[in-house]
Amino acid sequence: MIQSTKINVTAIVNAPIETVWDAWNTPSDIMQWNSADPNWHCPASENDVRVNGKFKNRMEAKDGSFGFDFEGTYDKVELFKELAYSMNDGRKVRTVFTEKDGKTTLSTVFDAESENEFEVQKQGWQAILNSFVKYVESKKY
């Protein structure tokens, strides 16, 4: 078996864990924050947050030049603590949620893919996390 390279990205959100969890998992919220670049957007999202539940987020360039579905199946769901899933290509992703003093840390570890450079992948996933932080912190619940 080939050992895959793991990439870790982290962000701290100035919001309680329940707020962070909801924004991370609610399709109408996902469509607002799920992009790595302002030229991209997420026009559709489906999310069945349970073990063996599936998710699918449509990622598209705003100019319509390119798009793809980012999808997978949940392997572990622990409310307000952890989500783990397998992408359709077999790679694994795990996100851990921890709260301290009203702030929530998100830490995601994922298997790198072979098409793009390690640093490009890390920057892309980090940019999505940063977009999430900006969205949650600007939204009034």
Protein backbone atom coordinates (compact mmCIF):
# COMPACT_ATOMS: atom_id res chain seq x y z
CA MET A 1 0.00 0.00 0.00
CA ILE A 2 1.28 3.43 -0.92
CA GLN A 3 1.57 5.86 1.99
CA SER A 4 -0.32 9.04 1.14
CA THR A 5 0.89 12.48 2.08
CA LYS A 6 -1.28 14.22 4.67
CA ILE A 7 -1.92 17.96 4.57
CA ASN A 8 -3.16 19.89 7.61
CA VAL A 9 -4.95 23.26 7.57
CA THR A 10 -6.29 25.10 10.61
CA ALA A 11 -8.38 28.16 11.37
CA ILE A 12 -9.80 29.81 14.47
CA VAL A 13 -13.32 31.22 14.29
CA ASN A 14 -14.49 33.83 16.76
CA ALA A 15 -17.80 32.04 17.33
CA PRO A 16 -19.17 29.24 19.53
CA ILE A 17 -18.88 25.67 18.32
CA GLU A 18 -22.63 25.26 17.66
CA THR A 19 -22.58 28.24 15.30
CA VAL A 20 -19.47 26.96 13.53
CA TRP A 21 -20.88 23.44 13.19
CA ASP A 22 -24.15 24.72 11.72
CA ALA A 23 -22.46 27.02 9.20
CA TRP A 24 -20.06 24.21 8.20
CA ASN A 25 -22.90 21.74 7.54
CA THR A 26 -25.93 23.72 6.32
CA PRO A 27 -26.16 23.76 2.49
CA SER A 28 -27.43 27.36 2.28
CA ASP A 29 -24.41 28.46 4.34
CA ILE A 30 -21.96 26.22 2.46
CA MET A 31 -22.96 27.93 -0.80
CA GLN A 32 -21.94 31.29 0.73
CA TRP A 33 -18.42 30.41 1.88
CA ASN A 34 -17.21 27.37 -0.06
CA SER A 35 -14.69 28.80 -2.52
CA ALA A 36 -10.95 29.34 -2.50
CA ASP A 37 -10.98 32.35 -4.78
CA PRO A 38 -13.39 35.26 -5.44
CA ASN A 39 -13.65 34.13 -9.09
CA TRP A 40 -15.25 30.87 -7.96
CA HIS A 41 -18.50 30.02 -6.21
CA CYS A 42 -20.54 27.10 -4.92
CA PRO A 43 -23.96 27.34 -6.64
CA ALA A 44 -25.33 24.08 -5.20
CA SER A 45 -24.84 22.02 -2.04
CA GLU A 46 -26.36 18.83 -0.64
CA ASN A 47 -25.33 17.49 2.76
CA ASP A 48 -26.62 14.45 4.66
CA VAL A 49 -24.54 14.65 7.86
CA ARG A 50 -24.65 11.09 9.20
CA VAL A 51 -22.46 8.00 8.91
CA ASN A 52 -22.80 6.74 5.30
CA GLY A 53 -24.57 10.01 4.40
CA LYS A 54 -23.35 11.75 1.26
CA PHE A 55 -22.49 15.32 0.43
CA LYS A 56 -22.03 17.08 -2.90
CA ASN A 57 -20.90 20.65 -3.44
CA ARG A 58 -20.82 22.11 -6.94
CA MET A 59 -17.72 24.24 -7.47
CA GLU A 60 -17.69 26.53 -10.52
CA ALA A 61 -15.74 29.40 -11.96
CA LYS A 62 -18.09 32.40 -12.00
CA ASP A 63 -17.37 32.92 -15.71
CA GLY A 64 -18.62 29.38 -16.42
CA SER A 65 -15.28 28.21 -17.84
CA PHE A 66 -14.84 25.26 -15.46
CA GLY A 67 -16.65 23.38 -12.73
CA PHE A 68 -16.71 20.14 -10.80
CA ASP A 69 -18.59 18.33 -8.05
CA PHE A 70 -16.75 17.88 -4.75
CA GLU A 71 -18.39 14.90 -3.10
CA GLY A 72 -17.95 12.09 -0.63
CA THR A 73 -19.44 9.87 2.04
CA TYR A 74 -19.23 10.39 5.80
CA ASP A 75 -17.28 7.75 7.74
CA LYS A 76 -17.61 9.39 11.16
CA VAL A 77 -19.94 12.06 12.54
CA GLU A 78 -19.52 13.16 16.13
CA LEU A 79 -21.76 16.17 16.82
CA PHE A 80 -19.78 19.37 17.52
CA LYS A 81 -16.50 17.38 17.55
CA GLU A 82 -15.49 15.60 14.38
CA LEU A 83 -16.40 14.85 10.79
CA ALA A 84 -14.51 12.30 8.70
CA TYR A 85 -15.30 11.35 5.13
CA SER A 86 -14.02 9.54 2.10
CA MET A 87 -13.98 11.36 -1.21
CA ASN A 88 -15.09 9.52 -4.33
CA ASP A 89 -11.43 8.98 -5.33
CA GLY A 90 -10.75 7.20 -2.01
CA ARG A 91 -8.85 9.98 -0.27
CA LYS A 92 -9.73 10.59 3.39
CA VAL A 93 -10.51 13.87 5.14
CA ARG A 94 -10.95 14.53 8.86
CA THR A 95 -12.05 17.81 10.48
CA VAL A 96 -11.92 18.28 14.25
CA PHE A 97 -13.83 21.09 16.00
CA THR A 98 -12.63 22.34 19.41
CA GLU A 99 -13.93 25.28 21.41
CA LYS A 100 -12.09 27.37 23.96
CA ASP A 101 -13.18 30.70 25.42
CA GLY A 102 -15.96 31.15 22.85
CA LYS A 103 -13.66 30.57 19.87
CA THR A 104 -13.71 27.45 17.74
CA THR A 105 -10.67 25.89 16.12
CA LEU A 106 -11.16 23.86 12.97
CA SER A 107 -8.37 21.49 12.04
CA THR A 108 -8.62 19.55 8.79
CA VAL A 109 -6.23 16.81 7.72
CA PHE A 110 -6.59 15.38 4.23
CA ASP A 111 -4.82 13.02 1.88
CA ALA A 112 -3.00 14.93 -0.84
CA GLU A 113 -3.86 14.16 -4.44
CA SER A 114 -1.22 13.60 -7.12
CA GLU A 115 -2.31 16.15 -9.76
CA ASN A 116 -1.38 19.37 -7.97
CA GLU A 117 1.64 20.43 -5.96
CA PHE A 118 1.45 19.95 -2.18
CA GLU A 119 1.67 23.69 -1.48
CA VAL A 120 -1.06 24.52 -4.04
CA GLN A 121 -3.41 22.05 -2.37
CA LYS A 122 -2.63 23.37 1.10
CA GLN A 123 -3.16 26.98 -0.01
CA GLY A 124 -6.46 26.12 -1.69
CA TRP A 125 -7.91 24.32 1.32
CA GLN A 126 -6.61 27.05 3.64
CA ALA A 127 -8.24 29.71 1.46
CA ILE A 128 -11.59 27.90 1.77
CA LEU A 129 -11.16 27.77 5.56
CA ASN A 130 -10.32 31.48 5.59
CA SER A 131 -13.45 32.18 3.53
CA PHE A 132 -15.45 30.17 6.09
CA VAL A 133 -14.02 32.20 8.99
CA LYS A 134 -14.83 35.48 7.24
CA TYR A 135 -18.37 34.32 6.48
CA VAL A 136 -19.15 33.10 10.02
CA GLU A 137 -17.61 36.11 11.74
CA SER A 138 -19.53 38.56 9.50
CA LYS A 139 -22.88 36.80 9.92
CA LYS A 140 -25.15 37.79 12.77
CA TYR A 141 -26.90 34.73 14.19
